[in-house]
C-alpha atoms as a PDB file:
ATOM      1  CA  MET A   1      89.784 122.212 109.449  1.00  0.00           C
ATOM      2  CA  THR A   2      87.183 121.350 112.059  1.00  0.00           C
ATOM      3  CA  ARG A   3      85.707 117.997 113.010  1.00  0.00           C
ATOM      4  CA  LEU A   4      82.579 118.940 111.077  1.00  0.00           C
ATOM      5  CA  ASP A   5      84.674 119.433 107.946  1.00  0.00           C
ATOM      6  CA  TRP A   6      86.168 115.940 108.415  1.00  0.00           C
ATOM      7  CA  GLN A   7      82.736 114.456 107.685  1.00  0.00           C
ATOM      8  CA  GLU A   8      82.933 115.958 104.190  1.00  0.00           C
ATOM      9  CA  LEU A   9      86.214 114.230 103.274  1.00  0.00           C
ATOM     10  CA  ASP A  10      86.394 111.273 100.926  1.00  0.00           C
ATOM     11  CA  TRP A  11      87.111 108.525 103.481  1.00  0.00           C
ATOM     12  CA  GLN A  12      88.571 105.368 101.968  1.00  0.00           C
ATOM     13  CA  ARG A  13      87.614 102.111 103.665  1.00  0.00           C
ATOM     14  CA  ALA A  14      90.475  99.691 104.319  1.00  0.00           C
ATOM     15  CA  ALA A  15      88.434  96.515 104.712  1.00  0.00           C
ATOM     16  CA  PRO A  16      87.248  93.677 102.519  1.00  0.00           C
ATOM     17  CA  ALA A  17      83.789  94.115 101.022  1.00  0.00           C
ATOM     18  CA  ASP A  18      82.533  90.978 102.767  1.00  0.00           C
ATOM     19  CA  LEU A  19      83.532  92.136 106.258  1.00  0.00           C
ATOM     20  CA  PRO A  20      80.866  91.088 108.803  1.00  0.00           C
ATOM     21  CA  GLU A  21      78.499  93.855 109.969  1.00  0.00           C
ATOM     22  CA  GLY A  22      79.731  95.652 113.075  1.00  0.00           C
ATOM     23  CA  THR A  23      83.408  94.817 112.535  1.00  0.00           C
ATOM     24  CA  ALA A  24      85.690  97.833 112.952  1.00  0.00           C
ATOM     25  CA  TYR A  25      87.924  98.836 110.062  1.00  0.00           C
ATOM     26  CA  LEU A  26      90.343 101.632 109.233  1.00  0.00           C
ATOM     27  CA  GLU A  27      89.322 104.641 107.166  1.00  0.00           C
ATOM     28  CA  VAL A  28      91.837 107.033 105.600  1.00  0.00           C
ATOM     29  CA  ALA A  29      91.315 110.430 103.953  1.00  0.00           C
ATOM     30  CA  VAL A  30      93.495 113.182 102.519  1.00  0.00           C
ATOM     31  CA  GLY A  31      92.800 116.557 104.087  1.00  0.00           C
ATOM     32  CA  PRO A  32      93.982 120.088 103.425  1.00  0.00           C
ATOM     33  CA  ASP A  33      97.685 120.726 103.024  1.00  0.00           C
ATOM     34  CA  ASP A  34      98.046 117.053 102.034  1.00  0.00           C
ATOM     35  CA  GLN A  35      97.464 115.888 105.613  1.00  0.00           C
ATOM     36  CA  ILE A  36      96.560 112.225 106.084  1.00  0.00           C
ATOM     37  CA  LEU A  37      93.659 111.551 108.450  1.00  0.00           C
ATOM     38  CA  MET A  38      92.851 108.125 109.906  1.00  0.00           C
ATOM     39  CA  ARG A  39      89.976 106.859 112.014  1.00  0.00           C
ATOM     40  CA  GLU A  40      88.300 103.619 113.015  1.00  0.00           C
ATOM     41  CA  SER A  41      84.807 103.015 111.704  1.00  0.00           C
ATOM     42  CA  ASN A  42      83.454 102.298 115.186  1.00  0.00           C
ATOM     43  CA  ASP A  43      84.838 105.607 116.555  1.00  0.00           C
ATOM     44  CA  PRO A  44      84.683 108.160 113.700  1.00  0.00           C
ATOM     45  CA  GLU A  45      84.984 111.139 116.045  1.00  0.00           C
ATOM     46  CA  THR A  46      88.547 110.144 117.007  1.00  0.00           C
ATOM     47  CA  VAL A  47      90.817 111.135 114.124  1.00  0.00           C
ATOM     48  CA  VAL A  48      94.591 110.809 113.908  1.00  0.00           C
ATOM     49  CA  VAL A  49      96.337 113.329 111.655  1.00  0.00           C
ATOM     50  CA  THR A  50      99.790 112.872 110.159  1.00  0.00           C
ATOM     51  CA  THR A  51     101.859 114.255 107.307  1.00  0.00           C
ATOM     52  CA  ARG A  52     102.120 112.802 103.810  1.00  0.00           C
ATOM     53  CA  ALA A  53     105.848 112.131 104.354  1.00  0.00           C
ATOM     54  CA  LYS A  54     105.197 110.103 107.527  1.00  0.00           C
ATOM     55  CA  TRP A  55     102.340 108.213 105.850  1.00  0.00           C
ATOM     56  CA  ASP A  56     104.515 107.369 102.852  1.00  0.00           C
ATOM     57  CA  ALA A  57     107.286 106.120 105.175  1.00  0.00           C
ATOM     58  CA  PHE A  58     104.754 103.975 107.062  1.00  0.00           C
ATOM     59  CA  ILE A  59     103.377 102.437 103.850  1.00  0.00           C
ATOM     60  CA  LYS A  60     106.915 101.743 102.631  1.00  0.00           C
ATOM     61  CA  GLY A  61     107.647  99.975 105.954  1.00  0.00           C
ATOM     62  CA  VAL A  62     104.462  97.892 105.714  1.00  0.00           C
ATOM     63  CA  LYS A  63     105.360  96.777 102.197  1.00  0.00           C
ATOM     64  CA  ALA A  64     108.896  95.909 103.366  1.00  0.00           C
ATOM     65  CA  GLY A  65     107.538  93.753 106.204  1.00  0.00           C
ATOM     66  CA  GLU A  66     108.881  95.967 109.003  1.00  0.00           C
ATOM     67  CA  PHE A  67     105.738  95.436 111.098  1.00  0.00           C
ATOM     68  CA  ASP A  68     105.112  91.748 110.421  1.00  0.00           C
ATOM     69  CA  ASP A  69     106.204  90.817 113.943  1.00  0.00           C
ATOM     70  CA  PHE A  70     103.160  92.723 115.272  1.00  0.00           C
ATOM     71  CA  ALA A  71     100.749  90.531 113.294  1.00  0.00           C
ATOM     72  CA  ASP A  72      99.875  86.877 113.734  1.00  0.00           C
ATOM     73  CA  LEU A  73     100.858  85.626 110.316  1.00  0.00           C
ATOM     74  CA  THR A  74     100.817  81.929 111.162  1.00  0.00           C
ATOM     75  CA  GLU A  75      98.700  79.765 108.892  1.00  0.00           C
ATOM     76  CA  THR A  76      95.774  77.879 110.325  1.00  0.00           C
ATOM     77  CA  GLU A  77      94.629  74.491 109.095  1.00  0.00           C
ATOM     78  CA  THR A  78      91.920  76.124 106.958  1.00  0.00           C
ATOM     79  CA  ASP A  79      94.503  78.437 105.338  1.00  0.00           C
ATOM     80  CA  GLU A  80      96.701  75.580 104.121  1.00  0.00           C
ATOM     81  CA  PRO A  81      96.478  74.732 100.431  1.00  0.00           C
ATOM     82  CA  ALA A  82      94.571  71.577  99.597  1.00  0.00           C
ATOM     83  CA  GLY A  83      96.600  68.702  98.278  1.00  0.00           C
END
């Protein structure tokens, strides 16, 4: 599969619908041989390719919270429930 063929894939956008214009987001597509392709919207020519097994393991880790220490998950004043 060539870079030109990548343009024809069904890229799924991993971003909220109300994301401000110009904000980068992740796009994911399934390629031939069940390969998983990922790219950032602001750099669509750079594509990372991995296997379905590695992708599934990554998603399982995300759901289990294995990567939470890489994210700033602290609540801000505006995130606190009213009351």
